[in-house]
Amino acid sequence: MDALIRELSRGAFTYAAPTLGILDRAMDIDRQYADLGLGLVDASVVALAEEVGVYRLATRDVHHFSAVRARGGQRFDLVVQPRRPDRGV
């Protein structure tokens, strides 16, 4: 987590707080993928990505984000960090 915070503070990632419009879109996405059990947090990431036009995501949640498509059928480019068996994550 410390490494992520350092990277955020140096501007390596885009951070944007969700607006009401983004949250509304996220609820639509969550309903659309109800059978996947996406949830509001992951749906908010998808809605925010659509809003800012960023489709490259750093995540370990390959199950959800590889199945979900953004508006227009856009797939996400997933940057996946390998799990560290020695740390249980």
PDB file of N, CA and C in Angstrom:
ATOM      1  N   MET A   1       0.821  -1.188   0.000  1.00  0.00           N
ATOM      2  CA  MET A   1       0.000   0.000   0.000  1.00  0.00           C
ATOM      3  C   MET A   1       0.869   1.257   0.000  1.00  0.00           C
ATOM      4  N   ASP A   2       1.976   1.221   0.734  1.00  0.00           N
ATOM      5  CA  ASP A   2       2.860   2.394   0.781  1.00  0.00           C
ATOM      6  C   ASP A   2       3.373   2.755  -0.613  1.00  0.00           C
ATOM      7  N   ALA A   3       3.716   1.730  -1.387  1.00  0.00           N
ATOM      8  CA  ALA A   3       4.215   1.983  -2.747  1.00  0.00           C
ATOM      9  C   ALA A   3       3.132   2.633  -3.605  1.00  0.00           C
ATOM     10  N   LEU A   4       1.895   2.190  -3.461  1.00  0.00           N
ATOM     11  CA  LEU A   4       0.793   2.791  -4.218  1.00  0.00           C
ATOM     12  C   LEU A   4       0.620   4.259  -3.838  1.00  0.00           C
ATOM     13  N   ILE A   5       0.650   4.564  -2.565  1.00  0.00           N
ATOM     14  CA  ILE A   5       0.499   5.947  -2.104  1.00  0.00           C
ATOM     15  C   ILE A   5       1.622   6.820  -2.650  1.00  0.00           C
ATOM     16  N   ARG A   6       2.841   6.300  -2.625  1.00  0.00           N
ATOM     17  CA  ARG A   6       3.972   7.061  -3.191  1.00  0.00           C
ATOM     18  C   ARG A   6       3.754   7.334  -4.675  1.00  0.00           C
ATOM     19  N   GLU A   7       3.301   6.326  -5.410  1.00  0.00           N
ATOM     20  CA  GLU A   7       3.056   6.491  -6.847  1.00  0.00           C
ATOM     21  C   GLU A   7       1.927   7.494  -7.095  1.00  0.00           C
ATOM     22  N   LEU A   8       0.873   7.435  -6.300  1.00  0.00           N
ATOM     23  CA  LEU A   8      -0.217   8.407  -6.418  1.00  0.00           C
ATOM     24  C   LEU A   8       0.295   9.821  -6.171  1.00  0.00           C
ATOM     25  N   SER A   9       1.118   9.983  -5.153  1.00  0.00           N
ATOM     26  CA  SER A   9       1.596  11.319  -4.799  1.00  0.00           C
ATOM     27  C   SER A   9       2.522  11.901  -5.857  1.00  0.00           C
ATOM     28  N   ARG A  10       3.167  11.066  -6.636  1.00  0.00           N
ATOM     29  CA  ARG A  10       4.027  11.581  -7.698  1.00  0.00           C
ATOM     30  C   ARG A  10       3.286  11.740  -9.027  1.00  0.00           C
ATOM     31  N   GLY A  11       1.999  11.388  -9.033  1.00  0.00           N
ATOM     32  CA  GLY A  11       1.194  11.593 -10.241  1.00  0.00           C
ATOM     33  C   GLY A  11       1.228  10.453 -11.231  1.00  0.00           C
ATOM     34  N   ALA A  12       1.598   9.255 -10.787  1.00  0.00           N
ATOM     35  CA  ALA A  12       1.718   8.115 -11.695  1.00  0.00           C
ATOM     36  C   ALA A  12       0.363   7.577 -12.152  1.00  0.00           C
ATOM     37  N   PHE A  13      -0.688   7.848 -11.390  1.00  0.00           N
ATOM     38  CA  PHE A  13      -2.015   7.336 -11.700  1.00  0.00           C
ATOM     39  C   PHE A  13      -3.008   8.487 -11.752  1.00  0.00           C
ATOM     40  N   THR A  14      -4.109   8.259 -12.438  1.00  0.00           N
ATOM     41  CA  THR A  14      -5.197   9.226 -12.465  1.00  0.00           C
ATOM     42  C   THR A  14      -6.146   8.917 -11.319  1.00  0.00           C
ATOM     43  N   TYR A  15      -6.472   9.925 -10.538  1.00  0.00           N
ATOM     44  CA  TYR A  15      -7.466   9.772  -9.483  1.00  0.00           C
ATOM     45  C   TYR A  15      -8.545  10.816  -9.706  1.00  0.00           C
ATOM     46  N   ALA A  16      -9.771  10.378  -9.671  1.00  0.00           N
ATOM     47  CA  ALA A  16     -10.894  11.302  -9.799  1.00  0.00           C
ATOM     48  C   ALA A  16     -12.033  10.798  -8.932  1.00  0.00           C
ATOM     49  N   ALA A  17     -12.600  11.676  -8.167  1.00  0.00           N
ATOM     50  CA  ALA A  17     -13.746  11.305  -7.325  1.00  0.00           C
ATOM     51  C   ALA A  17     -14.988  11.163  -8.204  1.00  0.00           C
ATOM     52  N   PRO A  18     -15.836  10.191  -7.903  1.00  0.00           N
ATOM     53  CA  PRO A  18     -17.043  10.015  -8.714  1.00  0.00           C
ATOM     54  C   PRO A  18     -18.063  11.119  -8.474  1.00  0.00           C
ATOM     55  N   THR A  19     -18.664  11.565  -9.552  1.00  0.00           N
ATOM     56  CA  THR A  19     -19.757  12.536  -9.471  1.00  0.00           C
ATOM     57  C   THR A  19     -21.071  11.764  -9.335  1.00  0.00           C
ATOM     58  N   LEU A  20     -22.156  12.487  -9.123  1.00  0.00           N
ATOM     59  CA  LEU A  20     -23.467  11.816  -9.061  1.00  0.00           C
ATOM     60  C   LEU A  20     -23.787  11.135 -10.384  1.00  0.00           C
ATOM     61  N   GLY A  21     -23.408  11.749 -11.490  1.00  0.00           N
ATOM     62  CA  GLY A  21     -23.629  11.143 -12.801  1.00  0.00           C
ATOM     63  C   GLY A  21     -22.865   9.843 -12.970  1.00  0.00           C
ATOM     64  N   ILE A  22     -21.627   9.830 -12.486  1.00  0.00           N
ATOM     65  CA  ILE A  22     -20.822   8.611 -12.561  1.00  0.00           C
ATOM     66  C   ILE A  22     -21.421   7.526 -11.674  1.00  0.00           C
ATOM     67  N   LEU A  23     -21.876   7.905 -10.487  1.00  0.00           N
ATOM     68  CA  LEU A  23     -22.514   6.924  -9.602  1.00  0.00           C
ATOM     69  C   LEU A  23     -23.800   6.372 -10.210  1.00  0.00           C
ATOM     70  N   ASP A  24     -24.559   7.223 -10.892  1.00  0.00           N
ATOM     71  CA  ASP A  24     -25.771   6.770 -11.566  1.00  0.00           C
ATOM     72  C   ASP A  24     -25.417   5.756 -12.659  1.00  0.00           C
ATOM     73  N   ARG A  25     -24.383   6.062 -13.441  1.00  0.00           N
ATOM     74  CA  ARG A  25     -23.924   5.133 -14.482  1.00  0.00           C
ATOM     75  C   ARG A  25     -23.422   3.840 -13.845  1.00  0.00           C
ATOM     76  N   ALA A  26     -22.729   3.952 -12.706  1.00  0.00           N
ATOM     77  CA  ALA A  26     -22.224   2.769 -12.016  1.00  0.00           C
ATOM     78  C   ALA A  26     -23.369   1.856 -11.586  1.00  0.00           C
ATOM     79  N   MET A  27     -24.457   2.434 -11.117  1.00  0.00           N
ATOM     80  CA  MET A  27     -25.612   1.613 -10.729  1.00  0.00           C
ATOM     81  C   MET A  27     -26.194   0.897 -11.939  1.00  0.00           C
ATOM     82  N   ASP A  28     -26.203   1.573 -13.096  1.00  0.00           N
ATOM     83  CA  ASP A  28     -26.660   0.923 -14.338  1.00  0.00           C
ATOM     84  C   ASP A  28     -25.749  -0.256 -14.697  1.00  0.00           C
ATOM     85  N   ILE A  29     -24.440  -0.041 -14.588  1.00  0.00           N
ATOM     86  CA  ILE A  29     -23.469  -1.092 -14.901  1.00  0.00           C
ATOM     87  C   ILE A  29     -23.629  -2.259 -13.940  1.00  0.00           C
ATOM     88  N   ASP A  30     -23.811  -1.960 -12.648  1.00  0.00           N
ATOM     89  CA  ASP A  30     -23.999  -3.016 -11.653  1.00  0.00           C
ATOM     90  C   ASP A  30     -25.231  -3.851 -11.974  1.00  0.00           C
ATOM     91  N   ARG A  31     -26.300  -3.204 -12.390  1.00  0.00           N
ATOM     92  CA  ARG A  31     -27.516  -3.942 -12.781  1.00  0.00           C
ATOM     93  C   ARG A  31     -27.264  -4.767 -14.040  1.00  0.00           C
ATOM     94  N   GLN A  32     -26.543  -4.187 -14.994  1.00  0.00           N
ATOM     95  CA  GLN A  32     -26.258  -4.885 -16.252  1.00  0.00           C
ATOM     96  C   GLN A  32     -25.460  -6.173 -16.011  1.00  0.00           C
ATOM     97  N   TYR A  33     -24.558  -6.136 -15.050  1.00  0.00           N
ATOM     98  CA  TYR A  33     -23.715  -7.290 -14.746  1.00  0.00           C
ATOM     99  C   TYR A  33     -24.114  -7.950 -13.434  1.00  0.00           C
ATOM    100  N   ALA A  34     -25.404  -7.949 -13.126  1.00  0.00           N
ATOM    101  CA  ALA A  34     -25.900  -8.505 -11.856  1.00  0.00           C
ATOM    102  C   ALA A  34     -25.488  -9.961 -11.680  1.00  0.00           C
ATOM    103  N   ASP A  35     -25.499 -10.738 -12.756  1.00  0.00           N
ATOM    104  CA  ASP A  35     -25.139 -12.152 -12.649  1.00  0.00           C
ATOM    105  C   ASP A  35     -23.661 -12.352 -12.326  1.00  0.00           C
ATOM    106  N   LEU A  36     -22.847 -11.348 -12.565  1.00  0.00           N
ATOM    107  CA  LEU A  36     -21.415 -11.408 -12.281  1.00  0.00           C
ATOM    108  C   LEU A  36     -21.111 -11.021 -10.831  1.00  0.00           C
ATOM    109  N   GLY A  37     -22.063 -10.338 -10.187  1.00  0.00           N
ATOM    110  CA  GLY A  37     -21.834  -9.872  -8.825  1.00  0.00           C
ATOM    111  C   GLY A  37     -20.770  -8.786  -8.781  1.00  0.00           C
ATOM    112  N   LEU A  38     -20.819  -7.899  -9.758  1.00  0.00           N
ATOM    113  CA  LEU A  38     -19.807  -6.864  -9.910  1.00  0.00           C
ATOM    114  C   LEU A  38     -19.723  -5.959  -8.682  1.00  0.00           C
ATOM    115  N   GLY A  39     -20.838  -5.423  -8.252  1.00  0.00           N
ATOM    116  CA  GLY A  39     -20.862  -4.540  -7.087  1.00  0.00           C
ATOM    117  C   GLY A  39     -20.641  -3.089  -7.469  1.00  0.00           C
ATOM    118  N   LEU A  40     -21.010  -2.203  -6.565  1.00  0.00           N
ATOM    119  CA  LEU A  40     -20.964  -0.767  -6.840  1.00  0.00           C
ATOM    120  C   LEU A  40     -19.536  -0.232  -6.952  1.00  0.00           C
ATOM    121  N   VAL A  41     -18.603  -0.761  -6.187  1.00  0.00           N
ATOM    122  CA  VAL A  41     -17.228  -0.248  -6.242  1.00  0.00           C
ATOM    123  C   VAL A  41     -16.609  -0.535  -7.610  1.00  0.00           C
ATOM    124  N   ASP A  42     -16.655  -1.781  -8.056  1.00  0.00           N
ATOM    125  CA  ASP A  42     -16.083  -2.111  -9.369  1.00  0.00           C
ATOM    126  C   ASP A  42     -16.858  -1.427 -10.491  1.00  0.00           C
ATOM    127  N   ALA A  43     -18.167  -1.337 -10.357  1.00  0.00           N
ATOM    128  CA  ALA A  43     -18.971  -0.641 -11.370  1.00  0.00           C
ATOM    129  C   ALA A  43     -18.606   0.836 -11.423  1.00  0.00           C
ATOM    130  N   SER A  44     -18.256   1.416 -10.272  1.00  0.00           N
ATOM    131  CA  SER A  44     -17.832   2.821 -10.242  1.00  0.00           C
ATOM    132  C   SER A  44     -16.505   3.007 -10.972  1.00  0.00           C
ATOM    133  N   VAL A  45     -15.621   2.050 -10.862  1.00  0.00           N
ATOM    134  CA  VAL A  45     -14.347   2.108 -11.588  1.00  0.00           C
ATOM    135  C   VAL A  45     -14.615   2.096 -13.087  1.00  0.00           C
ATOM    136  N   VAL A  46     -15.524   1.243 -13.535  1.00  0.00           N
ATOM    137  CA  VAL A  46     -15.874   1.168 -14.958  1.00  0.00           C
ATOM    138  C   VAL A  46     -16.492   2.492 -15.422  1.00  0.00           C
ATOM    139  N   ALA A  47     -17.433   3.012 -14.653  1.00  0.00           N
ATOM    140  CA  ALA A  47     -18.092   4.273 -15.021  1.00  0.00           C
ATOM    141  C   ALA A  47     -17.095   5.428 -15.055  1.00  0.00           C
ATOM    142  N   LEU A  48     -16.193   5.467 -14.098  1.00  0.00           N
ATOM    143  CA  LEU A  48     -15.182   6.520 -14.070  1.00  0.00           C
ATOM    144  C   LEU A  48     -14.228   6.386 -15.255  1.00  0.00           C
ATOM    145  N   ALA A  49     -13.849   5.176 -15.586  1.00  0.00           N
ATOM    146  CA  ALA A  49     -12.980   4.947 -16.743  1.00  0.00           C
ATOM    147  C   ALA A  49     -13.647   5.458 -18.019  1.00  0.00           C
ATOM    148  N   GLU A  50     -14.944   5.186 -18.161  1.00  0.00           N
ATOM    149  CA  GLU A  50     -15.685   5.704 -19.317  1.00  0.00           C
ATOM    150  C   GLU A  50     -15.647   7.226 -19.344  1.00  0.00           C
ATOM    151  N   GLU A  51     -15.863   7.829 -18.192  1.00  0.00           N
ATOM    152  CA  GLU A  51     -15.941   9.295 -18.090  1.00  0.00           C
ATOM    153  C   GLU A  51     -14.623   9.975 -18.462  1.00  0.00           C
ATOM    154  N   VAL A  52     -13.512   9.420 -17.998  1.00  0.00           N
ATOM    155  CA  VAL A  52     -12.222  10.064 -18.248  1.00  0.00           C
ATOM    156  C   VAL A  52     -11.485   9.482 -19.447  1.00  0.00           C
ATOM    157  N   GLY A  53     -12.051   8.423 -20.036  1.00  0.00           N
ATOM    158  CA  GLY A  53     -11.442   7.832 -21.227  1.00  0.00           C
ATOM    159  C   GLY A  53     -10.156   7.074 -20.957  1.00  0.00           C
ATOM    160  N   VAL A  54     -10.081   6.449 -19.797  1.00  0.00           N
ATOM    161  CA  VAL A  54      -8.912   5.642 -19.434  1.00  0.00           C
ATOM    162  C   VAL A  54      -9.366   4.192 -19.357  1.00  0.00           C
ATOM    163  N   TYR A  55      -8.731   3.347 -20.145  1.00  0.00           N
ATOM    164  CA  TYR A  55      -9.145   1.941 -20.198  1.00  0.00           C
ATOM    165  C   TYR A  55      -8.036   0.994 -19.779  1.00  0.00           C
ATOM    166  N   ARG A  56      -7.000   1.532 -19.179  1.00  0.00           N
ATOM    167  CA  ARG A  56      -5.916   0.720 -18.632  1.00  0.00           C
ATOM    168  C   ARG A  56      -6.045   0.769 -17.115  1.00  0.00           C
ATOM    169  N   LEU A  57      -6.296  -0.388 -16.511  1.00  0.00           N
ATOM    170  CA  LEU A  57      -6.563  -0.450 -15.081  1.00  0.00           C
ATOM    171  C   LEU A  57      -5.546  -1.318 -14.370  1.00  0.00           C
ATOM    172  N   ALA A  58      -5.083  -0.872 -13.222  1.00  0.00           N
ATOM    173  CA  ALA A  58      -4.237  -1.673 -12.345  1.00  0.00           C
ATOM    174  C   ALA A  58      -5.159  -2.392 -11.373  1.00  0.00           C
ATOM    175  N   THR A  59      -5.212  -3.707 -11.468  1.00  0.00           N
ATOM    176  CA  THR A  59      -6.129  -4.476 -10.630  1.00  0.00           C
ATOM    177  C   THR A  59      -5.677  -5.918 -10.520  1.00  0.00           C
ATOM    178  N   ARG A  60      -6.096  -6.546  -9.450  1.00  0.00           N
ATOM    179  CA  ARG A  60      -5.934  -7.999  -9.336  1.00  0.00           C
ATOM    180  C   ARG A  60      -7.256  -8.700  -9.618  1.00  0.00           C
ATOM    181  N   ASP A  61      -8.292  -7.925  -9.834  1.00  0.00           N
ATOM    182  CA  ASP A  61      -9.632  -8.464 -10.043  1.00  0.00           C
ATOM    183  C   ASP A  61      -9.853  -8.775 -11.528  1.00  0.00           C
ATOM    184  N   VAL A  62      -9.098  -9.734 -12.015  1.00  0.00           N
ATOM    185  CA  VAL A  62      -9.180 -10.121 -13.422  1.00  0.00           C
ATOM    186  C   VAL A  62     -10.562 -10.706 -13.732  1.00  0.00           C
ATOM    187  N   HIS A  63     -11.128 -11.433 -12.794  1.00  0.00           N
ATOM    188  CA  HIS A  63     -12.443 -12.060 -12.994  1.00  0.00           C
ATOM    189  C   HIS A  63     -13.493 -11.033 -13.424  1.00  0.00           C
ATOM    190  N   HIS A  64     -13.614  -9.944 -12.702  1.00  0.00           N
ATOM    191  CA  HIS A  64     -14.622  -8.937 -13.024  1.00  0.00           C
ATOM    192  C   HIS A  64     -14.240  -8.082 -14.217  1.00  0.00           C
ATOM    193  N   PHE A  65     -13.040  -7.511 -14.187  1.00  0.00           N
ATOM    194  CA  PHE A  65     -12.695  -6.515 -15.198  1.00  0.00           C
ATOM    195  C   PHE A  65     -12.395  -7.101 -16.574  1.00  0.00           C
ATOM    196  N   SER A  66     -12.111  -8.399 -16.654  1.00  0.00           N
ATOM    197  CA  SER A  66     -11.953  -9.002 -17.981  1.00  0.00           C
ATOM    198  C   SER A  66     -13.310  -9.330 -18.599  1.00  0.00           C
ATOM    199  N   ALA A  67     -14.342  -9.447 -17.780  1.00  0.00           N
ATOM    200  CA  ALA A  67     -15.679  -9.772 -18.280  1.00  0.00           C
ATOM    201  C   ALA A  67     -16.485  -8.537 -18.659  1.00  0.00           C
ATOM    202  N   VAL A  68     -16.179  -7.419 -18.036  1.00  0.00           N
ATOM    203  CA  VAL A  68     -16.961  -6.195 -18.216  1.00  0.00           C
ATOM    204  C   VAL A  68     -16.458  -5.420 -19.425  1.00  0.00           C
ATOM    205  N   ARG A  69     -17.389  -4.821 -20.143  1.00  0.00           N
ATOM    206  CA  ARG A  69     -17.058  -3.941 -21.267  1.00  0.00           C
ATOM    207  C   ARG A  69     -17.572  -2.546 -20.948  1.00  0.00           C
ATOM    208  N   ALA A  70     -16.784  -1.564 -21.309  1.00  0.00           N
ATOM    209  CA  ALA A  70     -17.222  -0.177 -21.158  1.00  0.00           C
ATOM    210  C   ALA A  70     -18.215   0.140 -22.268  1.00  0.00           C
ATOM    211  N   ARG A  71     -18.811   1.288 -22.166  1.00  0.00           N
ATOM    212  CA  ARG A  71     -19.762   1.752 -23.177  1.00  0.00           C
ATOM    213  C   ARG A  71     -19.120   1.635 -24.563  1.00  0.00           C
ATOM    214  N   GLY A  72     -19.861   1.129 -25.523  1.00  0.00           N
ATOM    215  CA  GLY A  72     -19.334   0.951 -26.872  1.00  0.00           C
ATOM    216  C   GLY A  72     -18.561  -0.341 -27.060  1.00  0.00           C
ATOM    217  N   GLY A  73     -18.531  -1.193 -26.026  1.00  0.00           N
ATOM    218  CA  GLY A  73     -17.855  -2.479 -26.132  1.00  0.00           C
ATOM    219  C   GLY A  73     -16.362  -2.445 -25.857  1.00  0.00           C
ATOM    220  N   GLN A  74     -15.860  -1.307 -25.406  1.00  0.00           N
ATOM    221  CA  GLN A  74     -14.428  -1.151 -25.118  1.00  0.00           C
ATOM    222  C   GLN A  74     -13.984  -2.130 -24.039  1.00  0.00           C
ATOM    223  N   ARG A  75     -12.933  -2.896 -24.323  1.00  0.00           N
ATOM    224  CA  ARG A  75     -12.342  -3.800 -23.333  1.00  0.00           C
ATOM    225  C   ARG A  75     -11.309  -3.039 -22.509  1.00  0.00           C
ATOM    226  N   PHE A  76     -11.029  -3.541 -21.323  1.00  0.00           N
ATOM    227  CA  PHE A  76     -10.034  -2.935 -20.459  1.00  0.00           C
ATOM    228  C   PHE A  76      -8.689  -3.632 -20.631  1.00  0.00           C
ATOM    229  N   ASP A  77      -7.638  -2.834 -20.627  1.00  0.00           N
ATOM    230  CA  ASP A  77      -6.269  -3.341 -20.608  1.00  0.00           C
ATOM    231  C   ASP A  77      -5.901  -3.445 -19.138  1.00  0.00           C
ATOM    232  N   LEU A  78      -5.722  -4.663 -18.659  1.00  0.00           N
ATOM    233  CA  LEU A  78      -5.500  -4.886 -17.235  1.00  0.00           C
ATOM    234  C   LEU A  78      -4.019  -5.032 -16.926  1.00  0.00           C
ATOM    235  N   VAL A  79      -3.562  -4.215 -16.000  1.00  0.00           N
ATOM    236  CA  VAL A  79      -2.206  -4.316 -15.485  1.00  0.00           C
ATOM    237  C   VAL A  79      -2.335  -5.095 -14.186  1.00  0.00           C
ATOM    238  N   VAL A  80      -1.851  -6.313 -14.188  1.00  0.00           N
ATOM    239  CA  VAL A  80      -2.066  -7.209 -13.051  1.00  0.00           C
ATOM    240  C   VAL A  80      -0.744  -7.475 -12.351  1.00  0.00           C
ATOM    241  N   GLN A  81      -0.713  -7.176 -11.067  1.00  0.00           N
ATOM    242  CA  GLN A  81       0.446  -7.503 -10.255  1.00  0.00           C
ATOM    243  C   GLN A  81       0.303  -8.942  -9.775  1.00  0.00           C
ATOM    244  N   PRO A  82       1.359  -9.731  -9.889  1.00  0.00           N
ATOM    245  CA  PRO A  82       1.260 -11.121  -9.429  1.00  0.00           C
ATOM    246  C   PRO A  82       1.060 -11.183  -7.924  1.00  0.00           C
ATOM    247  N   ARG A  83       0.377 -12.200  -7.510  1.00  0.00           N
ATOM    248  CA  ARG A  83       0.185 -12.412  -6.071  1.00  0.00           C
ATOM    249  C   ARG A  83       1.495 -12.894  -5.468  1.00  0.00           C
ATOM    250  N   ARG A  84       1.717 -12.508  -4.220  1.00  0.00           N
ATOM    251  CA  ARG A  84       2.930 -12.932  -3.521  1.00  0.00           C
ATOM    252  C   ARG A  84       2.575 -14.009  -2.509  1.00  0.00           C
ATOM    253  N   PRO A  85       2.858 -15.274  -2.848  1.00  0.00           N
ATOM    254  CA  PRO A  85       2.467 -16.367  -1.946  1.00  0.00           C
ATOM    255  C   PRO A  85       3.086 -16.254  -0.563  1.00  0.00           C
ATOM    256  N   ASP A  86       4.250 -15.618  -0.450  1.00  0.00           N
ATOM    257  CA  ASP A  86       4.890 -15.485   0.845  1.00  0.00           C
ATOM    258  C   ASP A  86       4.186 -14.501   1.761  1.00  0.00           C
ATOM    259  N   ARG A  87       3.293 -13.659   1.184  1.00  0.00           N
ATOM    260  CA  ARG A  87       2.587 -12.651   1.993  1.00  0.00           C
ATOM    261  C   ARG A  87       1.089 -12.932   2.059  1.00  0.00           C
ATOM    262  N   GLY A  88       0.622 -13.973   1.353  1.00  0.00           N
ATOM    263  CA  GLY A  88      -0.791 -14.294   1.387  1.00  0.00           C
ATOM    264  C   GLY A  88      -1.663 -13.344   0.588  1.00  0.00           C
ATOM    265  N   VAL A  89      -1.068 -12.573  -0.314  1.00  0.00           N
ATOM    266  CA  VAL A  89      -1.848 -11.648  -1.157  1.00  0.00           C
ATOM    267  C   VAL A  89      -1.520 -11.844  -2.610  1.00  0.00           C
TER     268      VAL A  89
END
